[in-house]
Amino acid sequence: MEKVVRQINIGLNAHEAFDTFVNNFNDWWPKEYTWSKDSLEEIKIETKIDGLCTEIGPYGFRCDWGRVTDYIPGKTIRFTWQIGPEREPVPNPEKAGHVTLDFHMKGNDRTAIELKHVDFYKYGEQGSEYCKMMGSDQGWKYILDCFKNYCSERR
């Protein structure tokens, strides 16, 4: 099974890192990874099981790009990744991958975050190439680096 696994270390405790990830999502998520780009008004994750992952663009345009499937504050968040290989919305969650982030304490002020993006086969024929792209330096590595930089700037 194809998957992407990435890890980063953040200079915050696990609860702070988790809260920053979900509650400041709009502040750190790279705009180039949205449909609205520079016109983005808001991107957020509702912090509950079945919460929506939503982007609000110009003129109130809304696109839901996932749904939270597991939520343990300070520890784990899992959501569907309803964005296809061509960056198109995937309305049916049965045809989407899943992203899980686990936050592990490494001392009082360090957290190891492990990201797993799985189920690329659900994206169809392009799933393998999509996995390679999200596993590249321009994929999840870049996104997690944006989060790490945001956390560093806040200290």
Protein backbone atom coordinates (compact mmCIF):
# COMPACT_ATOMS: atom_id res chain seq x y z
CA MET A 1 0.00 0.00 0.00
CA GLU A 2 1.35 3.40 -0.97
CA LYS A 3 1.54 6.03 1.73
CA VAL A 4 3.41 9.16 2.71
CA VAL A 5 4.97 9.35 6.16
CA ARG A 6 6.66 12.53 7.39
CA GLN A 7 7.98 13.58 10.77
CA ILE A 8 8.96 16.92 12.22
CA ASN A 9 9.99 18.15 15.64
CA ILE A 10 8.42 21.29 17.07
CA GLY A 11 9.69 23.38 19.99
CA LEU A 12 6.33 23.27 21.79
CA ASN A 13 4.79 20.71 24.10
CA ALA A 14 2.30 18.33 22.46
CA HIS A 15 -0.81 20.19 23.62
CA GLU A 16 0.51 23.56 22.40
CA ALA A 17 1.63 22.07 19.09
CA PHE A 18 -1.72 20.35 18.57
CA ASP A 19 -3.71 23.47 19.50
CA THR A 20 -1.55 25.61 17.23
CA PHE A 21 -2.00 23.17 14.35
CA VAL A 22 -5.80 23.10 14.51
CA ASN A 23 -6.70 26.49 16.00
CA ASN A 24 -4.24 28.59 13.99
CA PHE A 25 -4.67 26.63 10.76
CA ASN A 26 -5.64 29.76 8.85
CA ASP A 27 -2.43 31.52 9.94
CA TRP A 28 0.10 28.90 8.92
CA TRP A 29 -1.41 26.79 6.10
CA PRO A 30 0.31 27.72 2.81
CA LYS A 31 -2.04 29.67 0.55
CA GLU A 32 -0.55 27.99 -2.51
CA TYR A 33 -2.16 24.80 -1.17
CA THR A 34 -5.65 26.29 -1.40
CA TRP A 35 -8.02 26.83 -4.30
CA SER A 36 -8.37 30.52 -3.48
CA LYS A 37 -4.61 31.26 -3.28
CA ASP A 38 -4.14 34.97 -2.44
CA SER A 39 -7.93 35.50 -2.30
CA LEU A 40 -8.27 33.06 0.60
CA GLU A 41 -10.47 34.43 3.35
CA GLU A 42 -10.29 31.48 5.75
CA ILE A 43 -9.23 27.86 5.96
CA LYS A 44 -10.09 25.83 9.01
CA ILE A 45 -10.66 22.47 10.61
CA GLU A 46 -13.65 22.08 12.91
CA THR A 47 -12.25 20.58 16.10
CA LYS A 48 -14.59 17.62 16.59
CA ILE A 49 -15.34 14.26 15.05
CA ASP A 50 -17.32 14.83 11.83
CA GLY A 51 -16.09 18.43 11.81
CA LEU A 52 -15.55 19.87 8.36
CA CYS A 53 -12.25 20.94 6.84
CA THR A 54 -13.29 24.05 4.94
CA GLU A 55 -11.89 26.78 2.75
CA ILE A 56 -13.69 30.08 2.29
CA GLY A 57 -12.61 32.05 -0.74
CA PRO A 58 -13.64 35.25 -2.49
CA TYR A 59 -17.31 36.28 -2.29
CA GLY A 60 -17.93 33.62 0.36
CA PHE A 61 -17.14 30.69 -1.96
CA ARG A 62 -16.90 27.62 0.26
CA CYS A 63 -15.24 24.32 -0.49
CA ASP A 64 -15.17 21.47 2.01
CA TRP A 65 -11.95 19.52 1.50
CA GLY A 66 -12.26 16.94 4.26
CA ARG A 67 -13.98 15.69 7.37
CA VAL A 68 -12.48 14.92 10.79
CA THR A 69 -12.69 11.19 11.53
CA ASP A 70 -10.66 11.05 14.76
CA TYR A 71 -9.96 13.81 17.24
CA ILE A 72 -8.07 13.38 20.52
CA PRO A 73 -6.96 16.84 21.73
CA GLY A 74 -3.22 17.09 22.23
CA LYS A 75 -2.60 13.70 20.62
CA THR A 76 -4.23 12.84 17.28
CA ILE A 77 -6.26 14.29 14.46
CA ARG A 78 -7.35 12.28 11.42
CA PHE A 79 -9.31 13.60 8.48
CA THR A 80 -10.30 12.66 4.96
CA TRP A 81 -8.23 14.32 2.26
CA GLN A 82 -10.90 15.10 -0.32
CA ILE A 83 -8.54 16.78 -2.74
CA GLY A 84 -7.74 14.77 -5.86
CA PRO A 85 -4.54 14.37 -7.88
CA GLU A 86 -5.45 17.29 -10.14
CA ARG A 87 -6.25 19.43 -7.08
CA GLU A 88 -9.96 18.93 -7.73
CA PRO A 89 -12.54 18.46 -4.96
CA VAL A 90 -13.46 14.84 -4.21
CA PRO A 91 -17.05 15.09 -2.90
CA ASN A 92 -17.33 11.38 -2.08
CA PRO A 93 -15.22 10.56 1.00
CA GLU A 94 -15.16 6.90 -0.08
CA LYS A 95 -12.90 7.99 -2.97
CA ALA A 96 -10.53 10.04 -0.81
CA GLY A 97 -7.41 9.34 1.21
CA HIS A 98 -6.89 9.88 4.91
CA VAL A 99 -4.37 12.03 6.76
CA THR A 100 -3.42 11.31 10.38
CA LEU A 101 -1.22 13.47 12.56
CA ASP A 102 0.06 12.08 15.86
CA PHE A 103 1.68 14.41 18.41
CA HIS A 104 4.26 12.76 20.70
CA MET A 105 5.84 14.55 23.68
CA LYS A 106 9.65 14.60 23.62
CA GLY A 107 10.39 16.38 26.88
CA ASN A 108 8.64 19.42 28.34
CA ASP A 109 8.90 21.64 25.29
CA ARG A 110 9.48 19.35 22.31
CA THR A 111 6.98 17.42 20.22
CA ALA A 112 7.52 14.92 17.44
CA ILE A 113 4.71 15.07 14.92
CA GLU A 114 4.16 12.14 12.60
CA LEU A 115 1.98 12.60 9.54
CA LYS A 116 0.63 9.69 7.52
CA HIS A 117 -1.31 10.14 4.28
CA VAL A 118 -2.79 6.80 3.18
CA ASP A 119 -5.33 5.25 0.80
CA PHE A 120 -3.91 6.74 -2.39
CA TYR A 121 -5.45 3.84 -4.32
CA LYS A 122 -8.84 5.46 -3.74
CA TYR A 123 -7.85 8.30 -6.10
CA GLY A 124 -7.84 5.87 -9.03
CA GLU A 125 -5.22 5.55 -11.76
CA GLN A 126 -3.42 8.72 -10.69
CA GLY A 127 -3.10 7.62 -7.07
CA SER A 128 0.48 6.41 -7.40
CA GLU A 129 1.70 9.66 -8.96
CA TYR A 130 -0.27 11.64 -6.39
CA CYS A 131 1.47 9.72 -3.62
CA LYS A 132 4.86 10.58 -5.14
CA MET A 133 3.92 14.24 -5.38
CA MET A 134 2.66 14.48 -1.79
CA GLY A 135 5.75 12.58 -0.65
CA SER A 136 8.09 15.01 -2.45
CA ASP A 137 9.74 18.09 -0.98
CA GLN A 138 6.92 20.20 -2.47
CA GLY A 139 4.22 18.06 -0.80
CA TRP A 140 3.80 17.27 2.88
CA LYS A 141 7.40 18.20 3.68
CA TYR A 142 6.76 21.74 2.48
CA ILE A 143 3.43 21.96 4.32
CA LEU A 144 4.90 20.69 7.60
CA ASP A 145 7.88 23.04 7.22
CA CYS A 146 5.39 25.93 6.98
CA PHE A 147 3.88 24.78 10.27
CA LYS A 148 7.28 24.37 11.91
CA ASN A 149 8.36 27.86 10.78
CA TYR A 150 5.12 29.34 12.08
CA CYS A 151 5.68 27.72 15.48
CA SER A 152 9.29 28.97 15.58
CA GLU A 153 8.25 32.54 14.77
CA ARG A 154 5.71 32.54 17.63
CA ARG A 155 8.33 31.70 20.28
